[in-house]
C-alpha atoms as a PDB file:
ATOM      1  CA  MET A   1     136.345 133.712 112.999  1.00  0.00           C
ATOM      2  CA  SER A   2     139.172 132.405 110.940  1.00  0.00           C
ATOM      3  CA  ARG A   3     138.507 130.865 107.550  1.00  0.00           C
ATOM      4  CA  ALA A   4     139.519 127.180 108.932  1.00  0.00           C
ATOM      5  CA  SER A   5     137.501 127.755 112.172  1.00  0.00           C
ATOM      6  CA  ALA A   6     134.479 129.069 110.022  1.00  0.00           C
ATOM      7  CA  ALA A   7     134.676 125.714 107.635  1.00  0.00           C
ATOM      8  CA  PHE A   8     135.159 123.496 110.659  1.00  0.00           C
ATOM      9  CA  ALA A   9     132.064 125.194 112.246  1.00  0.00           C
ATOM     10  CA  ARG A  10     130.010 124.429 109.216  1.00  0.00           C
ATOM     11  CA  SER A  11     131.165 120.880 108.763  1.00  0.00           C
ATOM     12  CA  VAL A  12     130.213 120.171 112.224  1.00  0.00           C
ATOM     13  CA  VAL A  13     126.543 121.347 111.494  1.00  0.00           C
ATOM     14  CA  ARG A  14     126.557 119.125 108.341  1.00  0.00           C
ATOM     15  CA  LEU A  15     127.579 116.183 110.392  1.00  0.00           C
ATOM     16  CA  GLU A  16     124.870 116.983 113.152  1.00  0.00           C
ATOM     17  CA  GLU A  17     122.264 117.111 110.116  1.00  0.00           C
ATOM     18  CA  ALA A  18     123.487 113.610 108.640  1.00  0.00           C
ATOM     19  CA  LEU A  19     123.301 112.158 112.229  1.00  0.00           C
ATOM     20  CA  ARG A  20     119.594 112.917 112.589  1.00  0.00           C
ATOM     21  CA  GLU A  21     118.730 110.946 109.376  1.00  0.00           C
ATOM     22  CA  PRO A  22     117.312 107.405 109.970  1.00  0.00           C
ATOM     23  CA  SER A  23     119.827 105.104 109.643  1.00  0.00           C
ATOM     24  CA  THR A  24     120.447 103.244 106.141  1.00  0.00           C
ATOM     25  CA  PRO A  25     124.020 102.170 104.797  1.00  0.00           C
ATOM     26  CA  ILE A  26     123.917 105.187 102.714  1.00  0.00           C
ATOM     27  CA  VAL A  27     123.270 107.459 105.595  1.00  0.00           C
ATOM     28  CA  ARG A  28     126.024 105.665 107.522  1.00  0.00           C
ATOM     29  CA  ASP A  29     128.531 106.013 105.074  1.00  0.00           C
ATOM     30  CA  ALA A  30     127.792 109.756 104.397  1.00  0.00           C
ATOM     31  CA  CYS A  31     127.923 110.214 108.173  1.00  0.00           C
ATOM     32  CA  ILE A  32     131.484 108.579 108.215  1.00  0.00           C
ATOM     33  CA  GLN A  33     132.421 110.839 105.188  1.00  0.00           C
ATOM     34  CA  ARG A  34     131.291 113.992 106.996  1.00  0.00           C
ATOM     35  CA  PHE A  35     133.003 112.880 110.142  1.00  0.00           C
ATOM     36  CA  GLU A  36     136.396 112.668 108.071  1.00  0.00           C
ATOM     37  CA  PHE A  37     135.746 116.265 106.878  1.00  0.00           C
ATOM     38  CA  CYS A  38     135.059 117.563 110.332  1.00  0.00           C
ATOM     39  CA  PHE A  39     138.416 115.690 111.672  1.00  0.00           C
ATOM     40  CA  GLU A  40     140.539 117.311 108.873  1.00  0.00           C
ATOM     41  CA  LEU A  41     139.090 120.599 109.430  1.00  0.00           C
ATOM     42  CA  ALA A  42     139.323 120.483 113.241  1.00  0.00           C
ATOM     43  CA  TRP A  43     142.942 119.779 113.303  1.00  0.00           C
ATOM     44  CA  LYS A  44     143.505 122.608 110.600  1.00  0.00           C
ATOM     45  CA  ALA A  45     141.232 124.991 112.635  1.00  0.00           C
ATOM     46  CA  ILE A  46     143.339 124.215 115.888  1.00  0.00           C
ATOM     47  CA  GLN A  47     146.694 124.779 113.753  1.00  0.00           C
ATOM     48  CA  GLU A  48     145.613 128.079 112.417  1.00  0.00           C
ATOM     49  CA  SER A  49     144.450 129.151 115.908  1.00  0.00           C
ATOM     50  CA  LEU A  50     147.573 128.176 117.650  1.00  0.00           C
ATOM     51  CA  ARG A  51     149.533 129.926 114.702  1.00  0.00           C
ATOM     52  CA  SER A  52     147.856 133.202 115.657  1.00  0.00           C
ATOM     53  CA  GLU A  53     149.188 132.975 119.091  1.00  0.00           C
ATOM     54  CA  GLY A  54     152.436 132.310 118.287  1.00  0.00           C
ATOM     55  CA  ARG A  55     152.308 128.359 118.489  1.00  0.00           C
ATOM     56  CA  GLU A  56     152.914 125.713 116.052  1.00  0.00           C
ATOM     57  CA  CYS A  57     151.706 122.142 115.576  1.00  0.00           C
ATOM     58  CA  THR A  58     152.445 119.957 112.411  1.00  0.00           C
ATOM     59  CA  SER A  59     150.158 116.996 112.833  1.00  0.00           C
ATOM     60  CA  PRO A  60     146.962 116.201 114.078  1.00  0.00           C
ATOM     61  CA  ARG A  61     148.274 114.521 117.274  1.00  0.00           C
ATOM     62  CA  SER A  62     150.457 117.499 118.211  1.00  0.00           C
ATOM     63  CA  CYS A  63     147.768 119.824 117.547  1.00  0.00           C
ATOM     64  CA  PHE A  64     145.421 117.766 119.915  1.00  0.00           C
ATOM     65  CA  ARG A  65     148.074 117.930 122.418  1.00  0.00           C
ATOM     66  CA  GLU A  66     148.343 121.684 122.320  1.00  0.00           C
ATOM     67  CA  ALA A  67     144.612 122.110 122.110  1.00  0.00           C
ATOM     68  CA  PHE A  68     144.490 120.114 125.380  1.00  0.00           C
ATOM     69  CA  LYS A  69     147.170 122.383 126.969  1.00  0.00           C
ATOM     70  CA  GLN A  70     145.080 125.430 125.815  1.00  0.00           C
ATOM     71  CA  GLY A  71     141.872 123.954 127.450  1.00  0.00           C
ATOM     72  CA  TRP A  72     140.239 123.784 124.042  1.00  0.00           C
ATOM     73  CA  ILE A  73     139.644 120.210 124.283  1.00  0.00           C
ATOM     74  CA  GLU A  74     139.001 118.245 127.718  1.00  0.00           C
ATOM     75  CA  SER A  75     140.467 114.854 126.874  1.00  0.00           C
ATOM     76  CA  GLU A  76     143.459 114.313 124.833  1.00  0.00           C
ATOM     77  CA  GLU A  77     142.675 110.459 125.058  1.00  0.00           C
ATOM     78  CA  ALA A  78     139.140 110.873 123.617  1.00  0.00           C
ATOM     79  CA  TRP A  79     140.601 112.849 120.576  1.00  0.00           C
ATOM     80  CA  THR A  80     143.136 110.195 120.103  1.00  0.00           C
ATOM     81  CA  ARG A  81     140.337 107.694 119.950  1.00  0.00           C
ATOM     82  CA  LEU A  82     138.855 110.073 117.320  1.00  0.00           C
ATOM     83  CA  LEU A  83     142.094 110.174 115.355  1.00  0.00           C
ATOM     84  CA  ALA A  84     142.247 106.088 115.282  1.00  0.00           C
ATOM     85  CA  ASP A  85     138.601 105.942 113.916  1.00  0.00           C
ATOM     86  CA  ARG A  86     139.441 108.581 111.164  1.00  0.00           C
ATOM     87  CA  ASN A  87     142.568 106.685 110.397  1.00  0.00           C
ATOM     88  CA  LEU A  88     140.641 103.224 110.306  1.00  0.00           C
ATOM     89  CA  THR A  89     137.783 104.755 107.819  1.00  0.00           C
ATOM     90  CA  SER A  90     139.974 106.667 105.530  1.00  0.00           C
ATOM     91  CA  HIS A  91     142.394 103.809 104.838  1.00  0.00           C
ATOM     92  CA  THR A  92     140.047 100.605 105.165  1.00  0.00           C
ATOM     93  CA  TYR A  93     136.452  99.831 104.143  1.00  0.00           C
ATOM     94  CA  ASP A  94     134.887  96.974 105.883  1.00  0.00           C
ATOM     95  CA  GLU A  95     131.203  96.776 106.523  1.00  0.00           C
ATOM     96  CA  ALA A  96     131.720  95.670 110.313  1.00  0.00           C
ATOM     97  CA  LEU A  97     134.327  98.427 111.057  1.00  0.00           C
ATOM     98  CA  ALA A  98     131.927 101.058 109.268  1.00  0.00           C
ATOM     99  CA  GLU A  99     128.909  99.998 111.607  1.00  0.00           C
ATOM    100  CA  ALA A 100     131.254 100.069 114.515  1.00  0.00           C
ATOM    101  CA  VAL A 101     132.732 103.628 113.839  1.00  0.00           C
ATOM    102  CA  TYR A 102     129.248 104.634 112.895  1.00  0.00           C
ATOM    103  CA  GLY A 103     128.110 103.716 116.285  1.00  0.00           C
ATOM    104  CA  ARG A 104     130.844 106.019 117.865  1.00  0.00           C
ATOM    105  CA  LEU A 105     129.937 108.983 115.916  1.00  0.00           C
ATOM    106  CA  GLU A 106     127.613 110.678 118.287  1.00  0.00           C
ATOM    107  CA  SER A 107     130.448 110.760 120.797  1.00  0.00           C
ATOM    108  CA  HIS A 108     132.829 111.962 118.335  1.00  0.00           C
ATOM    109  CA  ARG A 109     130.203 114.585 117.229  1.00  0.00           C
ATOM    110  CA  MET A 110     130.024 115.706 121.045  1.00  0.00           C
ATOM    111  CA  LEU A 111     133.856 116.295 121.016  1.00  0.00           C
ATOM    112  CA  LEU A 112     133.781 118.268 117.675  1.00  0.00           C
ATOM    113  CA  ALA A 113     130.871 120.336 118.806  1.00  0.00           C
ATOM    114  CA  SER A 114     132.675 121.323 122.084  1.00  0.00           C
ATOM    115  CA  LEU A 115     135.974 122.258 120.203  1.00  0.00           C
ATOM    116  CA  ARG A 116     133.650 124.415 118.056  1.00  0.00           C
ATOM    117  CA  GLU A 117     132.552 126.335 120.955  1.00  0.00           C
ATOM    118  CA  ARG A 118     136.090 126.819 122.683  1.00  0.00           C
ATOM    119  CA  LEU A 119     137.994 127.594 119.628  1.00  0.00           C
ATOM    120  CA  PRO A 120     139.108 131.426 119.999  1.00  0.00           C
ATOM    121  CA  SER A 121     137.464 133.639 117.585  1.00  0.00           C
ATOM    122  CA  GLU A 122     139.565 136.279 116.248  1.00  0.00           C
END
């Protein structure tokens, strides 16, 4: 397993741990932070895996498009929503927004966990 894929896999485990905690404002914020780490590591792991196959991607969106073509993710649209939530949480802090994103983290976790299982291991 590549360095990026291993870091990504660990980050998903950490997100899963946080999501099992009883909901409090601190847990919510920690879960969102872990989601942001997972997102960054996900697209970097995709990028690294694609490079090892002689393909390139230079942004999260282009990496998700290529991962979809490779069959590593099932829905490019779902990953676009994940990207939108990551952009919202990393550039703005608003209590209502944080609650809304927190409410979507379980579905995001499922996407991330599925990618973790499908990424090629070298």
